Structure formats: structure tokens, C-alpha cells
N, C-alpha and C. Protein backbone atom coordinates (compact mmCIF):
# COMPACT_ATOMS: atom_id res chain seq x y z
N MET A 1 -5.70 28.94 38.23
CA MET A 1 -3.85 28.28 37.78
C MET A 1 -3.62 28.56 36.30
N ASN A 2 -2.71 29.22 36.38
CA ASN A 2 -2.10 30.01 34.43
C ASN A 2 -2.09 28.84 34.35
N ARG A 3 -2.22 28.92 32.82
CA ARG A 3 -2.06 27.96 31.58
C ARG A 3 -1.28 28.08 30.72
N PHE A 4 -0.53 27.58 30.22
CA PHE A 4 0.58 28.44 28.44
C PHE A 4 0.78 27.49 28.24
N GLU A 5 1.08 27.43 26.46
CA GLU A 5 1.16 26.36 25.47
C GLU A 5 2.21 26.45 24.60
N TYR A 6 3.16 25.80 24.21
CA TYR A 6 4.28 26.11 23.82
C TYR A 6 4.49 25.13 22.54
N ILE A 7 5.56 25.46 21.94
CA ILE A 7 6.21 24.24 20.25
C ILE A 7 7.60 24.38 21.28
N VAL A 8 8.45 23.32 21.05
CA VAL A 8 9.49 22.36 20.84
C VAL A 8 9.67 23.07 19.51
N VAL A 9 10.89 24.44 19.52
CA VAL A 9 10.79 25.21 18.38
C VAL A 9 12.95 23.87 17.97
N GLU A 10 13.15 24.01 19.00
CA GLU A 10 14.25 23.87 18.83
C GLU A 10 15.31 22.46 20.48
N ILE A 11 15.88 21.88 19.70
CA ILE A 11 16.53 21.02 20.78
C ILE A 11 17.86 20.80 21.23
N ASP A 12 18.58 21.66 21.96
CA ASP A 12 19.89 21.84 22.02
C ASP A 12 20.49 21.10 23.20
N GLY A 13 21.25 19.88 22.81
CA GLY A 13 21.89 18.81 24.15
C GLY A 13 20.50 19.14 25.33
N ASP A 14 21.20 19.60 26.92
CA ASP A 14 20.27 19.31 27.73
C ASP A 14 19.31 20.28 28.03
N TYR A 15 18.93 21.27 26.95
CA TYR A 15 17.87 22.44 26.78
C TYR A 15 17.53 22.51 25.13
N ALA A 16 15.68 22.80 25.80
CA ALA A 16 15.04 22.74 24.94
C ALA A 16 14.34 24.37 24.05
N HIS A 17 14.33 24.56 23.39
CA HIS A 17 14.13 26.41 23.34
C HIS A 17 12.40 26.14 22.90
N LEU A 18 11.67 26.79 23.70
CA LEU A 18 10.17 26.88 23.52
C LEU A 18 9.56 27.80 22.95
N LYS A 19 8.46 28.10 22.09
CA LYS A 19 8.02 29.40 21.58
C LYS A 19 6.09 28.98 21.85
N ARG A 20 5.88 30.09 22.66
CA ARG A 20 4.48 30.41 22.92
C ARG A 20 3.72 30.18 21.73
N ILE A 21 2.40 29.49 22.14
CA ILE A 21 1.65 29.29 20.50
C ILE A 21 0.38 29.71 20.79
N ASP A 22 -0.06 30.18 22.21
CA ASP A 22 -1.37 30.40 22.97
C ASP A 22 -1.09 32.21 22.73
N GLU A 23 -0.21 33.05 22.38
CA GLU A 23 -0.12 34.39 22.09
C GLU A 23 0.97 34.62 21.79
N GLU A 24 0.23 35.63 20.75
CA GLU A 24 1.52 36.03 19.57
C GLU A 24 2.78 36.90 20.55
N THR A 25 4.30 36.56 20.14
CA THR A 25 5.21 36.70 20.65
C THR A 25 6.44 36.11 19.87
N ASP A 26 7.58 36.43 20.05
CA ASP A 26 8.72 36.20 19.18
C ASP A 26 9.42 35.53 20.14
N GLU A 27 9.32 35.55 22.07
CA GLU A 27 10.62 35.27 22.21
C GLU A 27 10.39 33.75 22.54
N LEU A 28 11.62 33.02 22.70
CA LEU A 28 11.71 31.73 23.07
C LEU A 28 12.53 31.70 24.29
N LYS A 29 11.67 30.56 25.29
CA LYS A 29 11.81 30.14 26.47
C LYS A 29 12.81 29.37 26.45
N LEU A 30 13.97 29.43 27.11
CA LEU A 30 15.08 28.04 27.50
C LEU A 30 14.60 27.46 28.54
N VAL A 31 14.73 25.82 28.49
CA VAL A 31 14.12 25.09 29.49
C VAL A 31 14.95 23.95 29.89
N ALA A 32 15.20 23.65 30.70
CA ALA A 32 16.43 22.29 30.51
C ALA A 32 15.46 21.29 30.81
N ARG A 33 15.54 19.86 29.81
CA ARG A 33 14.94 18.89 28.99
C ARG A 33 14.56 18.39 30.09
N ALA A 34 15.55 18.31 31.02
CA ALA A 34 14.74 17.64 32.56
C ALA A 34 13.21 17.96 33.44
N LEU A 35 12.87 18.87 32.92
CA LEU A 35 11.76 18.83 33.15
C LEU A 35 10.84 18.76 32.36
N LEU A 36 11.25 18.38 31.14
CA LEU A 36 9.96 18.29 30.26
C LEU A 36 9.96 16.53 30.13
N PRO A 37 8.98 16.38 29.34
CA PRO A 37 8.82 14.71 29.19
C PRO A 37 9.44 14.49 28.14
N PRO A 38 10.53 13.35 28.72
CA PRO A 38 11.27 12.80 27.60
C PRO A 38 11.38 12.36 26.42
N GLU A 39 9.64 12.17 26.15
CA GLU A 39 9.65 11.71 24.47
C GLU A 39 9.48 12.62 23.66
N ILE A 40 9.89 13.96 24.02
CA ILE A 40 9.89 15.60 22.98
C ILE A 40 10.28 15.00 21.74
N THR A 41 10.06 16.41 21.23
CA THR A 41 11.17 16.16 19.91
C THR A 41 11.01 17.40 19.30
N GLU A 42 11.34 17.99 18.11
CA GLU A 42 10.77 19.35 17.67
C GLU A 42 9.89 19.53 16.85
N GLY A 43 8.73 20.14 17.67
CA GLY A 43 7.57 20.23 16.38
C GLY A 43 6.82 19.78 17.85
N THR A 44 7.01 19.42 18.84
CA THR A 44 5.80 18.55 20.32
C THR A 44 5.19 19.88 20.28
N LYS A 45 4.14 19.80 20.44
CA LYS A 45 3.15 20.30 21.74
C LYS A 45 2.99 20.01 22.79
N LEU A 46 3.30 21.58 23.68
CA LEU A 46 3.38 20.97 25.19
C LEU A 46 2.50 21.75 26.25
N ARG A 47 1.92 21.86 27.24
CA ARG A 47 1.09 22.81 28.27
C ARG A 47 2.04 22.65 29.40
N TYR A 48 1.67 23.70 29.86
CA TYR A 48 3.01 23.91 31.37
C TYR A 48 1.48 24.61 32.02
N GLU A 49 0.81 23.74 33.01
CA GLU A 49 0.44 24.32 34.41
C GLU A 49 0.50 23.64 35.63
N TRP A 50 0.06 24.14 36.57
CA TRP A 50 0.82 22.96 37.89
C TRP A 50 2.23 23.06 38.26
N MET A 51 2.98 23.64 37.03
CA MET A 51 4.32 24.07 36.88
C MET A 51 4.98 22.66 36.99
N SER A 52 4.52 22.04 36.01
CA SER A 52 4.98 21.15 35.18
C SER A 52 4.64 20.96 33.56
N TYR A 53 5.21 20.30 32.37
CA TYR A 53 4.94 20.72 31.55
C TYR A 53 4.93 18.83 30.84
N SER A 54 3.18 19.00 30.00
CA SER A 54 2.88 17.60 29.26
C SER A 54 2.84 18.13 28.06
N ILE A 55 2.70 16.78 27.41
CA ILE A 55 2.45 16.83 25.96
C ILE A 55 1.05 16.73 25.76
N MET A 56 0.47 17.99 24.76
CA MET A 56 -0.57 18.38 24.55
C MET A 56 -1.30 17.14 23.63
N ASP A 57 -2.64 16.35 23.67
CA ASP A 57 -3.20 16.35 22.51
C ASP A 57 -3.51 16.55 21.74
N GLU A 58 -3.42 16.39 20.57
CA GLU A 58 -4.06 16.66 19.09
C GLU A 58 -5.40 16.73 19.01
């Protein structure tokens, strides 16, 4: 199963802009906040696997 790592770059109302940190890219992914853990803030690192997002342990 694929696993991707992101950082929350910006929170914009009901959406968050995520940037991949496990590979080089300048693209941002727009994700509905309803799909993300409610306690995220800008700078939170997330892991996406098994069709869900979770906060990464530092």
C-alpha cells in the first residue's frame, strides 16, 4: 500500500493546502478539512495511508 507524507502549508476555511515532503515537488494538494484530523494546524506533518490521514509522530 502506498504511503505519502505531507505538511500542512496553509489552512483556508474548510480546506487545507498540503505539500508532499517525502519527494521533491512544488505542487500543493487541496484537501477538505473534514478528511483531516481536527487538531491540525499550519506546520503539522501528516501521513496518508489506507485512504486516511493521520498526524505523524515527531
